[in-house]
N, C-alpha and C. Protein backbone atom coordinates (compact mmCIF):
# COMPACT_ATOMS: atom_id res chain seq x y z
N MET A 1 0.80 -1.19 0.00
CA MET A 1 0.00 0.00 0.00
C MET A 1 0.86 1.27 0.00
N THR A 2 2.08 1.18 0.43
CA THR A 2 2.95 2.35 0.44
C THR A 2 3.40 2.73 -0.96
N THR A 3 3.54 1.76 -1.86
CA THR A 3 3.92 2.11 -3.24
C THR A 3 2.79 2.81 -3.96
N THR A 4 1.56 2.52 -3.62
CA THR A 4 0.42 3.18 -4.23
C THR A 4 0.38 4.64 -3.82
N ARG A 5 0.80 4.95 -2.65
CA ARG A 5 0.82 6.34 -2.17
C ARG A 5 1.96 7.14 -2.82
N LEU A 6 3.02 6.46 -3.24
CA LEU A 6 4.17 7.16 -3.81
C LEU A 6 4.00 7.49 -5.29
N ILE A 7 3.13 6.78 -5.98
CA ILE A 7 2.99 6.98 -7.43
C ILE A 7 2.50 8.39 -7.78
N PRO A 8 1.42 8.94 -7.21
CA PRO A 8 0.99 10.30 -7.59
C PRO A 8 2.04 11.38 -7.34
N PRO A 9 2.74 11.40 -6.18
CA PRO A 9 3.78 12.43 -6.02
C PRO A 9 4.95 12.26 -7.00
N LEU A 10 5.29 11.03 -7.32
CA LEU A 10 6.36 10.80 -8.29
C LEU A 10 5.95 11.27 -9.69
N LEU A 11 4.72 10.99 -10.08
CA LEU A 11 4.24 11.46 -11.39
C LEU A 11 4.18 12.98 -11.42
N LEU A 12 3.71 13.60 -10.35
CA LEU A 12 3.65 15.05 -10.29
C LEU A 12 5.05 15.66 -10.36
N SER A 13 5.98 15.10 -9.64
CA SER A 13 7.34 15.64 -9.69
C SER A 13 7.97 15.42 -11.07
N ALA A 14 7.66 14.31 -11.75
CA ALA A 14 8.17 14.07 -13.10
C ALA A 14 7.62 15.09 -14.08
N VAL A 15 6.35 15.44 -13.95
CA VAL A 15 5.74 16.45 -14.84
C VAL A 15 6.36 17.82 -14.58
N ILE A 16 6.60 18.16 -13.33
CA ILE A 16 7.19 19.46 -13.00
C ILE A 16 8.62 19.56 -13.53
N VAL A 17 9.39 18.50 -13.36
CA VAL A 17 10.77 18.50 -13.85
C VAL A 17 10.80 18.56 -15.37
N ALA A 18 9.88 17.87 -16.06
CA ALA A 18 9.84 17.91 -17.53
C ALA A 18 9.46 19.29 -18.03
N GLY A 19 8.66 20.03 -17.26
CA GLY A 19 8.26 21.38 -17.65
C GLY A 19 9.38 22.39 -17.49
N CYS A 20 10.41 22.06 -16.74
CA CYS A 20 11.51 23.00 -16.47
C CYS A 20 12.71 22.79 -17.39
N THR A 21 12.59 21.94 -18.39
CA THR A 21 13.73 21.71 -19.28
C THR A 21 13.95 22.92 -20.17
N PRO A 22 15.18 23.31 -20.40
CA PRO A 22 15.45 24.48 -21.23
C PRO A 22 15.16 24.18 -22.71
N THR A 23 14.68 25.17 -23.42
CA THR A 23 14.41 25.03 -24.85
C THR A 23 15.23 26.08 -25.60
N VAL A 24 15.60 25.73 -26.82
CA VAL A 24 16.36 26.64 -27.68
C VAL A 24 15.49 26.94 -28.89
N ALA A 25 15.23 28.22 -29.12
CA ALA A 25 14.41 28.62 -30.26
C ALA A 25 15.31 29.29 -31.30
N VAL A 26 15.23 28.82 -32.53
CA VAL A 26 16.00 29.40 -33.62
C VAL A 26 15.04 30.20 -34.48
N GLN A 27 15.29 31.49 -34.60
CA GLN A 27 14.42 32.36 -35.36
C GLN A 27 15.24 33.14 -36.38
N ALA A 28 14.58 33.49 -37.46
CA ALA A 28 15.24 34.33 -38.48
C ALA A 28 15.35 35.75 -37.94
N PRO A 29 16.40 36.49 -38.30
CA PRO A 29 16.53 37.86 -37.82
C PRO A 29 15.44 38.76 -38.40
N LYS A 30 15.05 39.78 -37.63
CA LYS A 30 14.00 40.70 -38.08
C LYS A 30 14.52 41.63 -39.17
N GLU A 31 15.78 42.03 -39.08
CA GLU A 31 16.39 42.91 -40.08
C GLU A 31 17.18 42.06 -41.07
N PRO A 32 17.29 42.50 -42.32
CA PRO A 32 18.07 41.71 -43.28
C PRO A 32 19.55 41.73 -42.93
N ILE A 33 20.23 40.69 -43.31
CA ILE A 33 21.66 40.58 -43.06
C ILE A 33 22.38 41.44 -44.09
N THR A 34 23.25 42.32 -43.63
CA THR A 34 24.01 43.16 -44.55
C THR A 34 25.46 42.71 -44.54
N VAL A 35 26.01 42.62 -45.72
CA VAL A 35 27.42 42.27 -45.87
C VAL A 35 28.13 43.52 -46.36
N ASN A 36 29.08 43.98 -45.59
CA ASN A 36 29.79 45.20 -45.92
C ASN A 36 31.10 44.83 -46.62
N LEU A 37 31.15 45.09 -47.91
CA LEU A 37 32.36 44.77 -48.68
C LEU A 37 33.08 46.07 -49.02
N ASN A 38 34.30 46.16 -48.58
CA ASN A 38 35.10 47.33 -48.92
C ASN A 38 35.90 47.00 -50.18
N VAL A 39 35.37 47.44 -51.31
CA VAL A 39 36.00 47.15 -52.59
C VAL A 39 36.64 48.44 -53.10
N LYS A 40 37.89 48.34 -53.45
CA LYS A 40 38.58 49.51 -53.98
C LYS A 40 38.42 49.53 -55.50
N ILE A 41 37.96 50.66 -56.00
CA ILE A 41 37.81 50.82 -57.44
C ILE A 41 38.99 51.61 -57.98
N GLU A 42 39.88 52.01 -57.09
CA GLU A 42 41.05 52.79 -57.46
C GLU A 42 41.86 52.10 -58.55
N HIS A 43 42.08 50.85 -58.38
CA HIS A 43 42.94 50.10 -59.30
C HIS A 43 42.39 50.15 -60.72
N GLU A 44 41.10 49.96 -60.86
CA GLU A 44 40.49 49.96 -62.19
C GLU A 44 40.62 51.34 -62.83
N ILE A 45 40.41 52.39 -62.07
CA ILE A 45 40.50 53.75 -62.60
C ILE A 45 41.92 54.06 -63.04
N ARG A 46 42.89 53.68 -62.25
CA ARG A 46 44.28 53.94 -62.62
C ARG A 46 44.66 53.20 -63.89
N VAL A 47 44.20 51.99 -64.06
CA VAL A 47 44.52 51.23 -65.27
C VAL A 47 43.92 51.92 -66.48
N LYS A 48 42.69 52.40 -66.36
CA LYS A 48 42.06 53.08 -67.49
C LYS A 48 42.81 54.37 -67.84
N VAL A 49 43.19 55.13 -66.82
CA VAL A 49 43.91 56.39 -67.06
C VAL A 49 45.28 56.09 -67.67
N ASP A 50 45.96 55.09 -67.17
CA ASP A 50 47.26 54.72 -67.72
C ASP A 50 47.15 54.32 -69.18
N LYS A 51 46.13 53.56 -69.52
CA LYS A 51 45.95 53.15 -70.92
C LYS A 51 45.64 54.35 -71.80
N GLU A 52 44.82 55.27 -71.30
CA GLU A 52 44.51 56.46 -72.09
C GLU A 52 45.76 57.32 -72.28
N LEU A 53 46.57 57.45 -71.25
CA LEU A 53 47.80 58.23 -71.38
C LEU A 53 48.77 57.57 -72.36
N ASP A 54 48.86 56.25 -72.32
CA ASP A 54 49.71 55.55 -73.28
C ASP A 54 49.26 55.83 -74.71
N ASN A 55 47.94 55.83 -74.91
CA ASN A 55 47.41 56.12 -76.26
C ASN A 55 47.74 57.55 -76.68
N VAL A 56 47.64 58.51 -75.77
CA VAL A 56 47.94 59.91 -76.10
C VAL A 56 49.42 60.06 -76.45
N PHE A 57 50.31 59.44 -75.68
CA PHE A 57 51.74 59.54 -75.95
C PHE A 57 52.15 58.82 -77.23
N GLU A 58 51.44 57.74 -77.56
CA GLU A 58 51.74 57.03 -78.80
C GLU A 58 51.34 57.86 -80.02
N ASP A 59 50.21 58.58 -79.90
CA ASP A 59 49.74 59.39 -81.02
C ASP A 59 50.67 60.57 -81.28
N LYS A 60 51.21 61.18 -80.24
CA LYS A 60 52.06 62.36 -80.40
C LYS A 60 53.44 62.02 -79.88
N GLU A 61 54.27 61.49 -80.75
CA GLU A 61 55.60 61.02 -80.35
C GLU A 61 56.54 62.16 -80.01
N GLY A 62 56.41 63.30 -80.61
CA GLY A 62 57.37 64.40 -80.42
C GLY A 62 56.98 65.36 -79.31
N ILE A 63 56.11 64.95 -78.40
CA ILE A 63 55.67 65.85 -77.33
C ILE A 63 56.83 66.23 -76.41
N PHE A 64 57.65 65.29 -76.03
CA PHE A 64 58.73 65.58 -75.08
C PHE A 64 60.06 65.62 -75.78
């Protein structure tokens, strides 16, 4: 008869302990993810200017 008395408190304590388990929630961010890329365009501009200068110097050989 003593085991019959222990079953309800054990079940109640098992339910309480199961309710206290930690949960992890994975959610999408509210704001969009931004990727900040620092791209230098300097190199491309210098190459274009250098090519244009080469063309100008080739056209007028007696400049200097």
